[in-house]
């Protein structure tokens, strides 16, 4: 989910990972704020918005590459 000043992303309904970046403070998206209680409302809004969208098609393009071990390529 992209919102006015940030980006919320999750994989497999959050089971494989979640991210929230506040671009006004972190334009390069280096600091994942998902556990920060100050952005809890943004996390909930992102979760609700994603639940309203159709599920993504399965396949390698939807795998979180950041979670693969170093040097391993997605199949």
PDB file of N, CA and C in Angstrom:
ATOM      1  N   UNK A   1       0.839  -1.176   0.000  1.00  0.00           N
ATOM      2  CA  UNK A   1       0.000   0.000   0.000  1.00  0.00           C
ATOM      3  C   UNK A   1       0.882   1.235   0.000  1.00  0.00           C
ATOM      4  N   UNK A   2       0.550   2.176  -0.822  1.00  0.00           N
ATOM      5  CA  UNK A   2       1.255   3.457  -0.825  1.00  0.00           C
ATOM      6  C   UNK A   2       0.282   4.496  -0.297  1.00  0.00           C
ATOM      7  N   UNK A   3       0.690   5.259   0.674  1.00  0.00           N
ATOM      8  CA  UNK A   3      -0.153   6.325   1.176  1.00  0.00           C
ATOM      9  C   UNK A   3       0.598   7.638   1.084  1.00  0.00           C
ATOM     10  N   UNK A   4       0.014   8.687   1.554  1.00  0.00           N
ATOM     11  CA  UNK A   4       0.531  10.030   1.297  1.00  0.00           C
ATOM     12  C   UNK A   4       2.013  10.201   1.618  1.00  0.00           C
ATOM     13  N   UNK A   5       2.462   9.686   2.741  1.00  0.00           N
ATOM     14  CA  UNK A   5       3.864   9.908   3.103  1.00  0.00           C
ATOM     15  C   UNK A   5       4.593   8.618   3.462  1.00  0.00           C
ATOM     16  N   UNK A   6       4.161   7.484   2.918  1.00  0.00           N
ATOM     17  CA  UNK A   6       4.842   6.242   3.239  1.00  0.00           C
ATOM     18  C   UNK A   6       4.424   5.087   2.363  1.00  0.00           C
ATOM     19  N   UNK A   7       4.944   3.902   2.726  1.00  0.00           N
ATOM     20  CA  UNK A   7       4.628   2.681   1.970  1.00  0.00           C
ATOM     21  C   UNK A   7       4.517   1.518   2.940  1.00  0.00           C
ATOM     22  N   UNK A   8       3.413   0.774   2.822  1.00  0.00           N
ATOM     23  CA  UNK A   8       3.192  -0.435   3.613  1.00  0.00           C
ATOM     24  C   UNK A   8       3.209  -1.619   2.652  1.00  0.00           C
ATOM     25  N   UNK A   9       3.964  -2.657   2.998  1.00  0.00           N
ATOM     26  CA  UNK A   9       4.072  -3.851   2.164  1.00  0.00           C
ATOM     27  C   UNK A   9       4.030  -5.073   3.061  1.00  0.00           C
ATOM     28  N   UNK A  10       3.383  -6.132   2.581  1.00  0.00           N
ATOM     29  CA  UNK A  10       3.432  -7.406   3.301  1.00  0.00           C
ATOM     30  C   UNK A  10       3.447  -8.547   2.298  1.00  0.00           C
ATOM     31  N   UNK A  11       3.968  -9.685   2.753  1.00  0.00           N
ATOM     32  CA  UNK A  11       4.037 -10.886   1.937  1.00  0.00           C
ATOM     33  C   UNK A  11       3.284 -12.000   2.645  1.00  0.00           C
ATOM     34  N   UNK A  12       2.475 -12.739   1.865  1.00  0.00           N
ATOM     35  CA  UNK A  12       1.675 -13.846   2.391  1.00  0.00           C
ATOM     36  C   UNK A  12       0.886 -13.403   3.625  1.00  0.00           C
ATOM     37  N   UNK A  13       0.132 -12.334   3.453  1.00  0.00           N
ATOM     38  CA  UNK A  13      -0.716 -11.781   4.521  1.00  0.00           C
ATOM     39  C   UNK A  13       0.076 -11.476   5.784  1.00  0.00           C
ATOM     40  N   UNK A  14       1.324 -11.114   5.621  1.00  0.00           N
ATOM     41  CA  UNK A  14       2.174 -10.743   6.746  1.00  0.00           C
ATOM     42  C   UNK A  14       2.957 -11.885   7.356  1.00  0.00           C
ATOM     43  N   UNK A  15       2.671 -13.118   6.953  1.00  0.00           N
ATOM     44  CA  UNK A  15       3.382 -14.265   7.535  1.00  0.00           C
ATOM     45  C   UNK A  15       4.858 -14.288   7.151  1.00  0.00           C
ATOM     46  N   UNK A  16       5.203 -13.792   5.960  1.00  0.00           N
ATOM     47  CA  UNK A  16       6.596 -13.802   5.493  1.00  0.00           C
ATOM     48  C   UNK A  16       7.293 -12.468   5.680  1.00  0.00           C
ATOM     49  N   UNK A  17       6.575 -11.483   6.167  1.00  0.00           N
ATOM     50  CA  UNK A  17       7.216 -10.206   6.432  1.00  0.00           C
ATOM     51  C   UNK A  17       6.300  -9.030   6.161  1.00  0.00           C
ATOM     52  N   UNK A  18       6.590  -7.921   6.832  1.00  0.00           N
ATOM     53  CA  UNK A  18       5.841  -6.679   6.651  1.00  0.00           C
ATOM     54  C   UNK A  18       6.820  -5.518   6.756  1.00  0.00           C
ATOM     55  N   UNK A  19       6.515  -4.448   6.053  1.00  0.00           N
ATOM     56  CA  UNK A  19       7.358  -3.252   6.094  1.00  0.00           C
ATOM     57  C   UNK A  19       6.487  -2.006   6.089  1.00  0.00           C
ATOM     58  N   UNK A  20       6.938  -0.989   6.797  1.00  0.00           N
ATOM     59  CA  UNK A  20       6.304   0.325   6.730  1.00  0.00           C
ATOM     60  C   UNK A  20       7.419   1.363   6.744  1.00  0.00           C
ATOM     61  N   UNK A  21       7.439   2.187   5.710  1.00  0.00           N
ATOM     62  CA  UNK A  21       8.430   3.259   5.602  1.00  0.00           C
ATOM     63  C   UNK A  21       7.697   4.593   5.551  1.00  0.00           C
ATOM     64  N   UNK A  22       8.191   5.550   6.319  1.00  0.00           N
ATOM     65  CA  UNK A  22       7.629   6.900   6.326  1.00  0.00           C
ATOM     66  C   UNK A  22       8.581   7.763   5.503  1.00  0.00           C
ATOM     67  N   UNK A  23       8.189   8.049   4.282  1.00  0.00           N
ATOM     68  CA  UNK A  23       9.088   8.722   3.337  1.00  0.00           C
ATOM     69  C   UNK A  23       9.440  10.145   3.739  1.00  0.00           C
ATOM     70  N   UNK A  24       8.579  10.825   4.457  1.00  0.00           N
ATOM     71  CA  UNK A  24       8.897  12.194   4.881  1.00  0.00           C
ATOM     72  C   UNK A  24      10.140  12.201   5.773  1.00  0.00           C
ATOM     73  N   UNK A  25      10.327  11.144   6.546  1.00  0.00           N
ATOM     74  CA  UNK A  25      11.479  11.039   7.452  1.00  0.00           C
ATOM     75  C   UNK A  25      12.597  10.166   6.879  1.00  0.00           C
ATOM     76  N   UNK A  26      12.246   9.304   5.942  1.00  0.00           N
ATOM     77  CA  UNK A  26      13.182   8.301   5.434  1.00  0.00           C
ATOM     78  C   UNK A  26      12.933   8.082   3.937  1.00  0.00           C
ATOM     79  N   UNK A  27      13.280   9.061   3.100  1.00  0.00           N
ATOM     80  CA  UNK A  27      12.967   8.953   1.674  1.00  0.00           C
ATOM     81  C   UNK A  27      13.632   7.768   0.975  1.00  0.00           C
ATOM     82  N   UNK A  28      14.738   7.272   1.491  1.00  0.00           N
ATOM     83  CA  UNK A  28      15.417   6.131   0.895  1.00  0.00           C
ATOM     84  C   UNK A  28      14.878   4.791   1.369  1.00  0.00           C
ATOM     85  N   UNK A  29      13.905   4.809   2.279  1.00  0.00           N
ATOM     86  CA  UNK A  29      13.289   3.607   2.832  1.00  0.00           C
ATOM     87  C   UNK A  29      14.326   2.652   3.432  1.00  0.00           C
ATOM     88  N   UNK A  30      15.106   3.168   4.379  1.00  0.00           N
ATOM     89  CA  UNK A  30      16.122   2.358   5.051  1.00  0.00           C
ATOM     90  C   UNK A  30      15.680   1.862   6.424  1.00  0.00           C
ATOM     91  N   UNK A  31      14.652   2.486   7.012  1.00  0.00           N
ATOM     92  CA  UNK A  31      14.247   2.175   8.379  1.00  0.00           C
ATOM     93  C   UNK A  31      12.808   1.660   8.410  1.00  0.00           C
ATOM     94  N   UNK A  32      12.677   0.343   8.549  1.00  0.00           N
ATOM     95  CA  UNK A  32      11.367  -0.287   8.616  1.00  0.00           C
ATOM     96  C   UNK A  32      10.742   0.072   9.970  1.00  0.00           C
ATOM     97  N   UNK A  33       9.591   0.734   9.949  1.00  0.00           N
ATOM     98  CA  UNK A  33       8.949   1.216  11.180  1.00  0.00           C
ATOM     99  C   UNK A  33       7.779   0.335  11.600  1.00  0.00           C
ATOM    100  N   UNK A  34       7.686  -0.880  11.102  1.00  0.00           N
ATOM    101  CA  UNK A  34       6.532  -1.742  11.353  1.00  0.00           C
ATOM    102  C   UNK A  34       6.292  -1.965  12.842  1.00  0.00           C
ATOM    103  N   UNK A  35       7.315  -2.002  13.666  1.00  0.00           N
ATOM    104  CA  UNK A  35       7.149  -2.258  15.102  1.00  0.00           C
ATOM    105  C   UNK A  35       7.006  -0.980  15.925  1.00  0.00           C
ATOM    106  N   UNK A  36       7.043   0.167  15.295  1.00  0.00           N
ATOM    107  CA  UNK A  36       6.960   1.447  15.998  1.00  0.00           C
ATOM    108  C   UNK A  36       5.503   1.737  16.368  1.00  0.00           C
ATOM    109  N   UNK A  37       5.186   1.810  17.662  1.00  0.00           N
ATOM    110  CA  UNK A  37       3.795   2.048  18.056  1.00  0.00           C
ATOM    111  C   UNK A  37       3.244   3.396  17.590  1.00  0.00           C
ATOM    112  N   UNK A  38       4.117   4.328  17.243  1.00  0.00           N
ATOM    113  CA  UNK A  38       3.653   5.650  16.791  1.00  0.00           C
ATOM    114  C   UNK A  38       3.027   5.603  15.399  1.00  0.00           C
ATOM    115  N   UNK A  39       3.261   4.544  14.643  1.00  0.00           N
ATOM    116  CA  UNK A  39       2.672   4.433  13.301  1.00  0.00           C
ATOM    117  C   UNK A  39       1.654   3.294  13.230  1.00  0.00           C
ATOM    118  N   UNK A  40       1.160   2.875  14.379  1.00  0.00           N
ATOM    119  CA  UNK A  40       0.208   1.764  14.443  1.00  0.00           C
ATOM    120  C   UNK A  40      -1.030   2.010  13.575  1.00  0.00           C
ATOM    121  N   UNK A  41      -1.535   3.229  13.553  1.00  0.00           N
ATOM    122  CA  UNK A  41      -2.713   3.523  12.723  1.00  0.00           C
ATOM    123  C   UNK A  41      -2.414   3.342  11.241  1.00  0.00           C
ATOM    124  N   UNK A  42      -1.221   3.712  10.802  1.00  0.00           N
ATOM    125  CA  UNK A  42      -0.848   3.535   9.395  1.00  0.00           C
ATOM    126  C   UNK A  42      -0.733   2.049   9.060  1.00  0.00           C
ATOM    127  N   UNK A  43      -0.208   1.259   9.987  1.00  0.00           N
ATOM    128  CA  UNK A  43      -0.106  -0.191   9.766  1.00  0.00           C
ATOM    129  C   UNK A  43      -1.500  -0.787   9.621  1.00  0.00           C
ATOM    130  N   UNK A  44      -2.393  -0.429  10.516  1.00  0.00           N
ATOM    131  CA  UNK A  44      -3.773  -0.958  10.450  1.00  0.00           C
ATOM    132  C   UNK A  44      -4.466  -0.531   9.151  1.00  0.00           C
ATOM    133  N   UNK A  45      -4.251   0.709   8.737  1.00  0.00           N
ATOM    134  CA  UNK A  45      -4.850   1.188   7.485  1.00  0.00           C
ATOM    135  C   UNK A  45      -4.301   0.405   6.296  1.00  0.00           C
ATOM    136  N   UNK A  46      -3.006   0.137   6.302  1.00  0.00           N
ATOM    137  CA  UNK A  46      -2.402  -0.654   5.226  1.00  0.00           C
ATOM    138  C   UNK A  46      -2.943  -2.064   5.186  1.00  0.00           C
ATOM    139  N   UNK A  47      -3.068  -2.690   6.351  1.00  0.00           N
ATOM    140  CA  UNK A  47      -3.621  -4.046   6.413  1.00  0.00           C
ATOM    141  C   UNK A  47      -5.041  -4.073   5.858  1.00  0.00           C
ATOM    142  N   UNK A  48      -5.867  -3.129   6.272  1.00  0.00           N
ATOM    143  CA  UNK A  48      -7.261  -3.099   5.824  1.00  0.00           C
ATOM    144  C   UNK A  48      -7.361  -2.877   4.322  1.00  0.00           C
ATOM    145  N   UNK A  49      -6.528  -1.985   3.786  1.00  0.00           N
ATOM    146  CA  UNK A  49      -6.574  -1.715   2.354  1.00  0.00           C
ATOM    147  C   UNK A  49      -6.166  -2.958   1.549  1.00  0.00           C
ATOM    148  N   UNK A  50      -5.127  -3.644   1.984  1.00  0.00           N
ATOM    149  CA  UNK A  50      -4.680  -4.838   1.261  1.00  0.00           C
ATOM    150  C   UNK A  50      -5.721  -5.947   1.304  1.00  0.00           C
ATOM    151  N   UNK A  51      -6.467  -6.067   2.400  1.00  0.00           N
ATOM    152  CA  UNK A  51      -7.497  -7.109   2.510  1.00  0.00           C
ATOM    153  C   UNK A  51      -8.648  -6.862   1.533  1.00  0.00           C
ATOM    154  N   UNK A  52      -8.802  -5.637   1.071  1.00  0.00           N
ATOM    155  CA  UNK A  52      -9.877  -5.304   0.148  1.00  0.00           C
ATOM    156  C   UNK A  52      -9.499  -5.582  -1.315  1.00  0.00           C
ATOM    157  N   UNK A  53      -8.228  -5.810  -1.588  1.00  0.00           N
ATOM    158  CA  UNK A  53      -7.757  -6.058  -2.955  1.00  0.00           C
ATOM    159  C   UNK A  53      -7.808  -7.551  -3.279  1.00  0.00           C
ATOM    160  N   UNK A  54      -7.887  -7.916  -4.555  1.00  0.00           N
ATOM    161  CA  UNK A  54      -7.833  -9.341  -4.900  1.00  0.00           C
ATOM    162  C   UNK A  54      -6.447  -9.898  -4.577  1.00  0.00           C
ATOM    163  N   UNK A  55      -6.362 -11.195  -4.256  1.00  0.00           N
ATOM    164  CA  UNK A  55      -5.052 -11.770  -3.930  1.00  0.00           C
ATOM    165  C   UNK A  55      -4.128 -11.750  -5.145  1.00  0.00           C
ATOM    166  N   UNK A  56      -2.821 -11.604  -4.928  1.00  0.00           N
ATOM    167  CA  UNK A  56      -1.887 -11.615  -6.062  1.00  0.00           C
ATOM    168  C   UNK A  56      -1.797 -13.002  -6.676  1.00  0.00           C
ATOM    169  N   UNK A  57      -1.446 -13.053  -7.936  1.00  0.00           N
ATOM    170  CA  UNK A  57      -1.248 -14.335  -8.610  1.00  0.00           C
ATOM    171  C   UNK A  57       0.002 -14.998  -8.045  1.00  0.00           C
ATOM    172  N   UNK A  58      -0.022 -16.315  -7.852  1.00  0.00           N
ATOM    173  CA  UNK A  58       1.174 -16.986  -7.344  1.00  0.00           C
ATOM    174  C   UNK A  58       2.282 -16.974  -8.393  1.00  0.00           C
ATOM    175  N   UNK A  59       3.501 -17.021  -7.919  1.00  0.00           N
ATOM    176  CA  UNK A  59       4.629 -17.081  -8.839  1.00  0.00           C
ATOM    177  C   UNK A  59       5.843 -16.391  -8.271  1.00  0.00           C
ATOM    178  N   UNK A  60       6.968 -16.574  -8.916  1.00  0.00           N
ATOM    179  CA  UNK A  60       8.231 -16.047  -8.384  1.00  0.00           C
ATOM    180  C   UNK A  60       8.279 -14.529  -8.304  1.00  0.00           C
ATOM    181  N   UNK A  61       7.510 -13.832  -9.125  1.00  0.00           N
ATOM    182  CA  UNK A  61       7.582 -12.373  -9.074  1.00  0.00           C
ATOM    183  C   UNK A  61       6.961 -11.822  -7.804  1.00  0.00           C
ATOM    184  N   UNK A  62       6.190 -12.628  -7.069  1.00  0.00           N
ATOM    185  CA  UNK A  62       5.561 -12.174  -5.841  1.00  0.00           C
ATOM    186  C   UNK A  62       6.272 -12.661  -4.582  1.00  0.00           C
ATOM    187  N   UNK A  63       7.416 -13.295  -4.721  1.00  0.00           N
ATOM    188  CA  UNK A  63       8.177 -13.743  -3.553  1.00  0.00           C
ATOM    189  C   UNK A  63       9.012 -12.592  -3.020  1.00  0.00           C
ATOM    190  N   UNK A  64       9.108 -12.475  -1.711  1.00  0.00           N
ATOM    191  CA  UNK A  64       9.937 -11.404  -1.136  1.00  0.00           C
ATOM    192  C   UNK A  64      11.421 -11.722  -1.290  1.00  0.00           C
ATOM    193  N   UNK A  65      12.036 -11.164  -2.290  1.00  0.00           N
ATOM    194  CA  UNK A  65      13.453 -11.451  -2.550  1.00  0.00           C
ATOM    195  C   UNK A  65      14.344 -11.089  -1.370  1.00  0.00           C
ATOM    196  N   UNK A  66      13.948 -10.100  -0.603  1.00  0.00           N
ATOM    197  CA  UNK A  66      14.764  -9.679   0.533  1.00  0.00           C
ATOM    198  C   UNK A  66      14.856 -10.776   1.595  1.00  0.00           C
ATOM    199  N   UNK A  67      13.923 -11.727   1.595  1.00  0.00           N
ATOM    200  CA  UNK A  67      13.938 -12.780   2.596  1.00  0.00           C
ATOM    201  C   UNK A  67      14.730 -14.005   2.156  1.00  0.00           C
ATOM    202  N   UNK A  68      15.193 -14.032   0.900  1.00  0.00           N
ATOM    203  CA  UNK A  68      15.998 -15.164   0.447  1.00  0.00           C
ATOM    204  C   UNK A  68      17.394 -15.077   1.039  1.00  0.00           C
ATOM    205  N   UNK A  69      18.021 -16.235   1.326  1.00  0.00           N
ATOM    206  CA  UNK A  69      19.403 -16.204   1.798  1.00  0.00           C
ATOM    207  C   UNK A  69      20.314 -15.507   0.791  1.00  0.00           C
ATOM    208  N   UNK A  70      21.361 -14.890   1.277  1.00  0.00           N
ATOM    209  CA  UNK A  70      22.295 -14.151   0.431  1.00  0.00           C
ATOM    210  C   UNK A  70      22.802 -15.026  -0.699  1.00  0.00           C
ATOM    211  N   UNK A  71      22.755 -14.516  -1.905  1.00  0.00           N
ATOM    212  CA  UNK A  71      23.254 -15.213  -3.063  1.00  0.00           C
ATOM    213  C   UNK A  71      22.267 -16.158  -3.709  1.00  0.00           C
ATOM    214  N   UNK A  72      21.147 -16.458  -3.038  1.00  0.00           N
ATOM    215  CA  UNK A  72      20.145 -17.372  -3.612  1.00  0.00           C
ATOM    216  C   UNK A  72      19.181 -16.579  -4.483  1.00  0.00           C
ATOM    217  N   UNK A  73      18.894 -17.111  -5.664  1.00  0.00           N
ATOM    218  CA  UNK A  73      17.973 -16.457  -6.581  1.00  0.00           C
ATOM    219  C   UNK A  73      16.608 -17.136  -6.506  1.00  0.00           C
ATOM    220  N   UNK A  74      15.552 -16.356  -6.701  1.00  0.00           N
ATOM    221  CA  UNK A  74      14.222 -16.943  -6.716  1.00  0.00           C
ATOM    222  C   UNK A  74      14.044 -17.767  -7.975  1.00  0.00           C
ATOM    223  N   UNK A  75      13.239 -18.801  -7.889  1.00  0.00           N
ATOM    224  CA  UNK A  75      13.045 -19.714  -9.019  1.00  0.00           C
ATOM    225  C   UNK A  75      11.872 -19.307  -9.833  1.00  0.00           C
TER     226      UNK A  75
END
